[in-house]
Protein backbone atom coordinates (compact mmCIF):
# COMPACT_ATOMS: atom_id res chain seq x y z
CA MET A 1 0.00 0.00 0.00
CA ASP A 2 1.63 3.27 -1.14
CA MET A 3 2.03 6.02 1.41
CA VAL A 4 4.12 9.09 2.20
CA HIS A 5 5.58 10.33 5.46
CA VAL A 6 4.94 13.95 6.39
CA ARG A 7 7.09 15.91 8.85
CA ALA A 8 5.93 19.40 9.73
CA VAL A 9 6.67 22.26 12.08
CA SER A 10 3.67 24.35 13.10
CA PRO A 11 3.51 27.67 14.95
CA PRO A 12 1.71 27.04 18.29
CA GLU A 13 -1.22 29.26 17.31
CA LEU A 14 -1.82 27.12 14.20
CA THR A 15 -1.29 23.67 15.68
CA ASP A 16 -4.89 23.03 16.74
CA GLU A 17 -6.15 23.64 13.20
CA VAL A 18 -3.44 21.43 11.71
CA VAL A 19 -4.18 18.60 14.14
CA ALA A 20 -7.91 18.90 13.46
CA LEU A 21 -7.27 18.65 9.72
CA LEU A 22 -5.05 15.59 10.09
CA THR A 23 -7.16 13.71 12.62
CA GLY A 24 -10.29 14.29 10.55
CA ASP A 25 -8.85 12.58 7.48
CA PRO A 26 -9.12 8.75 7.41
CA CYS A 27 -6.06 8.55 5.15
CA VAL A 28 -3.81 9.99 7.88
CA LEU A 29 -2.18 7.40 10.14
CA ASN A 30 0.36 7.32 12.99
CA LEU A 31 -0.04 10.99 13.89
CA VAL A 32 2.53 12.19 16.45
CA LEU A 33 2.54 15.65 18.07
CA LEU A 34 5.56 16.97 20.02
CA PRO A 35 4.65 20.43 21.38
CA GLY A 36 7.45 22.99 21.42
CA SER A 37 10.15 20.51 20.36
CA ALA A 38 11.07 21.93 16.92
CA ARG A 39 13.84 24.44 16.21
CA HIS A 40 14.63 26.36 13.04
CA PRO A 41 11.78 27.07 12.63
CA ASP A 42 10.63 27.00 16.23
CA GLY A 43 7.26 25.45 16.96
CA ASP A 44 5.41 22.19 17.44
CA ALA A 45 6.70 19.12 15.60
CA LEU A 46 4.21 16.86 13.87
CA GLU A 47 4.72 13.61 12.02
CA CYS A 48 2.25 11.35 10.27
CA ASP A 49 1.88 8.84 7.47
CA VAL A 50 -0.62 9.49 4.70
CA LEU A 51 -1.98 7.00 2.19
CA ALA A 52 -0.71 8.19 -1.19
CA GLY A 53 -4.18 8.38 -2.72
CA GLY A 54 -5.28 10.88 -0.06
CA ALA A 55 -2.04 12.86 0.10
CA ASN A 56 -3.11 15.47 -2.46
CA GLU A 57 -6.07 16.56 -0.32
CA VAL A 58 -4.03 16.55 2.88
CA LEU A 59 -1.20 18.62 1.40
CA ARG A 60 -3.69 21.01 -0.17
CA GLY A 61 -5.30 21.49 3.24
CA LEU A 62 -1.94 22.19 4.87
CA ARG A 63 -1.16 24.79 2.22
CA GLU A 64 -4.55 26.43 2.72
CA LEU A 65 -3.63 26.75 6.40
CA GLU A 66 -0.37 28.37 5.19
CA LEU A 67 1.67 25.81 7.10
CA ASP A 68 4.19 25.72 4.23
CA THR A 69 4.98 29.42 4.71
CA ARG A 70 4.36 29.93 8.44
CA GLY A 71 6.14 26.71 9.39
CA SER A 72 7.55 23.93 7.24
CA VAL A 73 6.39 20.73 5.55
CA VAL A 74 8.62 17.85 4.43
CA VAL A 75 7.24 14.92 2.42
CA GLU A 76 9.12 11.70 1.76
CA PRO A 77 8.10 8.31 0.35
CA VAL A 78 7.69 5.26 2.59
CA ASP A 79 9.43 2.19 1.20
CA LEU A 80 8.04 -0.39 3.61
CA ALA A 81 5.25 -0.33 6.20
CA PHE A 82 3.24 -2.91 8.17
CA LEU A 83 -0.22 -1.46 8.60
CA GLY A 84 -3.38 -2.55 10.36
CA ARG A 85 -7.10 -2.13 9.97
CA ALA A 86 -7.00 1.67 9.98
CA ALA A 87 -5.01 1.70 6.74
CA GLN A 88 -7.36 -0.82 5.16
CA ASP A 89 -10.35 1.32 6.07
CA GLY A 90 -8.69 4.36 4.53
CA ALA A 91 -7.85 2.43 1.35
CA ARG A 92 -11.46 1.27 1.02
CA ARG A 93 -12.65 4.85 1.32
CA LEU A 94 -10.22 5.93 -1.40
CA GLY A 95 -11.23 3.23 -3.87
CA PRO A 96 -9.54 3.87 -7.26
CA ARG A 97 -7.93 7.02 -5.87
CA ALA A 98 -5.57 4.81 -3.87
CA HIS A 99 -3.33 4.75 -6.94
CA ALA A 100 -3.46 8.50 -7.65
CA PRO A 101 -0.10 10.27 -8.06
CA VAL A 102 1.01 12.62 -5.31
CA TRP A 103 1.28 15.71 -7.47
CA GLU A 104 3.50 17.62 -5.08
CA GLU A 105 5.97 14.74 -5.25
CA VAL A 106 5.69 14.51 -9.05
CA GLU A 107 6.36 18.22 -9.51
CA ALA A 108 9.26 18.11 -7.06
CA ARG A 109 10.72 15.20 -9.01
CA ILE A 110 10.49 17.18 -12.25
CA ARG A 111 11.87 20.38 -10.72
CA ALA A 112 14.83 18.44 -9.35
CA GLN A 113 15.84 17.83 -12.96
CA THR A 114 15.72 21.52 -13.83
CA ALA A 115 18.62 22.64 -11.65
CA PHE A 116 20.83 23.56 -14.59
CA ALA A 117 24.26 23.29 -13.01
CA PRO A 118 27.39 23.43 -15.20
CA SER A 119 27.27 19.62 -15.30
CA PHE A 120 24.05 19.85 -17.37
CA TYR A 121 25.94 21.53 -20.19
CA LEU A 122 28.95 19.25 -19.73
CA TYR A 123 26.76 16.16 -20.09
CA LEU A 124 25.22 17.58 -23.27
CA VAL A 125 28.65 18.29 -24.77
CA VAL A 126 29.97 14.84 -23.84
CA ALA A 127 26.83 13.18 -25.20
CA GLY A 128 27.27 15.11 -28.46
CA LEU A 129 30.88 13.96 -28.76
CA ILE A 130 29.89 10.33 -28.16
CA GLY A 131 27.15 10.72 -30.76
CA ALA A 132 29.69 12.12 -33.25
CA VAL A 133 31.92 9.08 -32.82
CA GLY A 134 28.90 6.83 -33.32
CA ILE A 135 28.00 8.65 -36.54
CA VAL A 136 31.44 8.60 -38.17
CA THR A 137 31.96 4.94 -37.22
CA ASN A 138 28.36 3.92 -38.06
CA SER A 139 28.00 2.50 -34.53
CA GLN A 140 24.40 2.33 -33.31
CA ILE A 141 25.59 1.23 -29.86
CA LEU A 142 27.43 4.53 -29.38
CA ILE A 143 24.34 6.43 -30.52
CA VAL A 144 22.32 4.68 -27.81
CA GLY A 145 25.07 5.54 -25.31
CA ALA A 146 24.86 9.20 -26.30
CA MET A 147 21.08 9.13 -25.80
CA VAL A 148 21.47 7.75 -22.27
CA VAL A 149 24.14 10.31 -21.28
CA GLY A 150 22.15 13.32 -22.53
CA PRO A 151 20.28 15.18 -19.72
CA GLU A 152 18.02 17.21 -22.00
CA TYR A 153 14.79 15.37 -21.16
CA GLY A 154 14.79 16.90 -17.68
CA ALA A 155 14.74 20.39 -19.23
CA ILE A 156 12.02 19.33 -21.66
CA VAL A 157 9.67 18.08 -18.94
CA GLY A 158 10.52 21.19 -16.90
CA VAL A 159 9.20 23.32 -19.77
CA ALA A 160 6.13 21.08 -20.02
CA LEU A 161 5.43 21.49 -16.30
CA GLY A 162 5.91 25.25 -16.61
CA LEU A 163 3.36 25.39 -19.43
CA ASP A 164 0.95 23.20 -17.46
CA ARG A 165 1.22 25.39 -14.35
CA GLY A 166 1.41 28.71 -16.21
CA ASP A 167 4.90 29.35 -14.80
CA ARG A 168 6.56 31.57 -17.41
CA ALA A 169 9.83 31.76 -15.48
CA ALA A 170 10.16 27.96 -15.52
CA VAL A 171 9.41 27.89 -19.25
CA ARG A 172 12.07 30.54 -19.92
CA ARG A 173 14.62 28.74 -17.77
CA GLY A 174 14.03 25.45 -19.52
CA LEU A 175 14.10 26.87 -23.04
CA THR A 176 17.22 28.91 -22.27
CA ALA A 177 18.99 25.83 -20.90
CA LEU A 178 17.96 23.74 -23.92
CA THR A 179 19.07 26.41 -26.39
CA GLY A 180 22.38 27.10 -24.66
CA GLY A 181 23.09 23.43 -24.04
CA PHE A 182 22.42 22.29 -27.58
CA LEU A 183 24.38 25.22 -29.04
CA ALA A 184 27.35 24.29 -26.84
CA ALA A 185 27.06 20.63 -27.83
CA ILE A 186 26.78 21.48 -31.53
CA ALA A 187 29.75 23.86 -31.42
CA ALA A 188 32.01 21.42 -29.54
CA THR A 189 30.97 18.52 -31.74
CA PHE A 190 31.54 20.57 -34.90
CA LEU A 191 35.14 21.30 -33.85
CA PHE A 192 35.61 17.62 -32.97
CA ALA A 193 34.21 16.57 -36.37
CA LEU A 194 36.59 18.99 -38.15
CA LEU A 195 39.45 17.34 -36.26
CA ILE A 196 38.25 13.90 -37.33
CA ARG A 197 37.99 15.01 -40.95
CA GLY A 198 41.33 16.80 -40.91
CA PHE A 199 43.20 13.71 -39.71
CA GLY A 200 41.10 11.26 -41.75
CA LEU A 201 39.89 9.38 -38.68
CA GLU A 202 36.40 8.61 -39.97
CA SER A 203 35.59 5.02 -40.93
CA PRO A 204 36.22 3.94 -44.54
CA ALA A 205 32.50 3.32 -45.00
CA TYR A 206 31.62 6.84 -43.84
CA ARG A 207 34.33 8.31 -46.09
CA ALA A 208 32.88 6.34 -49.03
CA GLY A 209 29.41 7.78 -48.40
CA LEU A 210 27.90 4.74 -46.65
CA ARG A 211 26.27 6.51 -43.72
CA PRO A 212 23.25 4.53 -42.50
CA VAL A 213 23.28 6.05 -39.00
CA SER A 214 23.48 9.60 -40.31
CA HIS A 215 20.80 8.87 -42.88
CA LEU A 216 18.45 7.52 -40.23
CA ILE A 217 18.98 10.54 -37.97
CA GLY A 218 18.87 13.18 -40.70
CA THR A 219 15.70 11.96 -42.40
CA PRO A 220 12.73 12.88 -40.19
CA ASP A 221 9.42 11.36 -41.25
CA PHE A 222 6.01 10.33 -39.98
CA PHE A 223 7.52 7.69 -37.70
CA SER A 224 9.77 10.30 -36.07
CA VAL A 225 6.64 12.13 -34.94
CA VAL A 226 4.99 8.91 -33.75
CA VAL A 227 8.01 7.87 -31.66
CA ALA A 228 8.36 11.37 -30.18
CA CYS A 229 4.66 11.41 -29.24
CA LEU A 230 4.80 7.98 -27.62
CA ALA A 231 8.03 8.85 -25.81
CA GLY A 232 6.45 12.05 -24.52
CA VAL A 233 3.48 10.14 -23.07
CA VAL A 234 5.58 7.38 -21.51
CA GLY A 235 8.09 9.88 -20.13
CA ILE A 236 5.48 11.83 -18.19
CA VAL A 237 3.66 8.72 -16.98
CA SER A 238 6.95 7.17 -15.81
CA LEU A 239 7.75 10.37 -13.89
CA THR A 240 4.34 10.42 -12.21
CA GLU A 241 4.73 6.77 -11.20
CA ALA A 242 8.50 6.98 -10.48
CA ARG A 243 9.33 4.19 -12.92
CA THR A 244 12.97 4.75 -13.78
CA SER A 245 13.21 1.75 -16.12
CA ALA A 246 10.49 3.16 -18.37
CA LEU A 247 12.12 6.58 -18.24
CA LEU A 248 15.41 5.07 -19.38
CA GLY A 249 13.57 3.65 -22.38
CA VAL A 250 12.40 7.16 -23.22
CA PHE A 251 16.00 8.43 -23.17
CA ILE A 252 16.99 5.71 -25.62
CA SER A 253 14.08 6.34 -27.99
CA VAL A 254 14.33 10.13 -28.30
CA THR A 255 16.45 11.44 -31.20
CA THR A 256 17.66 14.74 -29.76
CA ILE A 257 21.35 14.32 -28.92
CA PRO A 258 22.03 12.20 -32.03
CA ALA A 259 20.35 14.86 -34.17
CA ALA A 260 22.45 17.63 -32.61
CA ALA A 261 25.60 15.57 -33.17
CA ASP A 262 24.65 14.87 -36.78
CA VAL A 263 24.09 18.58 -37.45
CA SER A 264 27.73 19.18 -36.49
CA VAL A 265 29.23 16.14 -38.21
CA SER A 266 27.28 16.68 -41.43
CA ALA A 267 28.24 20.35 -41.50
CA ALA A 268 31.90 19.51 -40.89
CA PHE A 269 31.82 17.04 -43.80
CA GLU A 270 29.79 19.52 -45.91
CA SER A 271 26.72 17.30 -46.15
CA TRP A 272 24.35 20.24 -45.96
CA ASP A 273 21.16 18.31 -46.74
CA LYS A 274 21.83 15.95 -43.83
CA ALA A 275 22.70 18.87 -41.56
CA ARG A 276 19.38 20.55 -42.36
CA GLY A 277 17.48 17.30 -41.90
CA SER A 278 19.12 16.63 -38.55
CA PHE A 279 18.39 20.15 -37.36
CA PHE A 280 14.73 19.68 -38.27
CA GLN A 281 14.77 16.30 -36.49
CA LEU A 282 16.13 17.97 -33.35
CA LEU A 283 13.57 20.77 -33.45
CA LEU A 284 10.74 18.36 -34.20
CA ASN A 285 11.57 16.08 -31.26
CA VAL A 286 11.93 18.91 -28.76
CA VAL A 287 8.68 20.62 -29.80
CA VAL A 288 6.67 17.37 -29.89
CA LEU A 289 8.03 16.21 -26.52
CA ILE A 290 7.13 19.52 -24.88
CA ALA A 291 3.65 19.63 -26.44
CA VAL A 292 2.83 15.99 -25.69
CA GLY A 293 4.32 16.23 -22.19
CA THR A 294 2.14 19.24 -21.36
CA ALA A 295 -0.98 17.56 -22.77
CA THR A 296 -0.26 14.33 -20.86
CA LEU A 297 0.19 16.18 -17.56
CA ARG A 298 -3.11 18.01 -18.03
CA PHE A 299 -4.90 14.84 -19.10
CA GLN A 300 -3.66 12.92 -16.06
CA ARG A 301 -4.72 15.69 -13.70
CA ALA A 302 -8.16 15.84 -15.33
CA VAL A 303 -8.64 12.06 -15.12
CA TRP A 304 -7.72 11.87 -11.44
CA ARG A 305 -9.87 14.91 -10.62
CA ARG A 306 -12.80 13.20 -12.33
CA ILE A 307 -12.18 9.98 -10.41
CA GLY A 308 -12.00 11.97 -7.17
CA ARG A 309 -15.27 13.81 -7.88
CA ARG A 310 -17.04 10.59 -8.81
CA ARG A 311 -15.81 8.88 -5.66
CA GLY A 312 -16.85 11.89 -3.58
CA ALA A 313 -20.32 11.91 -5.13
CA ARG A 314 -20.78 8.22 -4.35
CA ALA A 315 -19.63 8.76 -0.75
CA GLY A 316 -22.04 11.68 -0.37
CA GLY A 317 -24.89 9.61 -1.81
């Protein structure tokens, strides 16, 4: 049974309202109150476990009491718990909502990927260089490796979340990081590709014009859109359900880093048609992933809201 652990610090004048909110919710278990024991911020310490399906309502109630600004709230997942009848009663009340995502946790997980430290740009550059080696040696394994190394999907879902929440600053941050990161990767990879060409280090097949990897990357078509759409859906769903294995599959299926690398390599070898095609492939994937990611977030929220309203109507009846 999925649940989260909530640790909070409440100002004494607010504690009674917080305790009333928590004790009145059947999804709240193991409530502990330690008056006056918290420091930085000072106040009353509270801890409780909340069934994941009811966590959205509980956290919303705490925010409405302004506990997040007047005190503090920390939420963490519970990996293992042995629960009794109280938890079973709460799960029965939740019904299908027992499997609802904890949206605060989902958004925190996405925002954690949008801290664009210098390593974000370093990873993009390194991924581009690996992709360039894969292109000039016609190695699909290296292309997959470049896809896994690239951190760009975190910025893409950050933009999608910003659009979903109407957060223009988050959208600007994400788009700026994507633009700067890909420009840095393309520039570094272009210089690397010039070095490869200058010393004749490319594979004989690539030199002879046999470039199946480059052709696949630089020729966007209907299937490119289909794969980007499916990857966008699976990526968001895997983030909401914290399924890292599915998210890794998204990294491998999205042609962003390979397209950026092929722009540079094709330009260095003066294959302008392939460079243009790869640039369009890159742009297409980024735009589709953002659009589909935003739509999937909104759709999931709408579905779970509808399930919650239907469940509430049945309980009221």
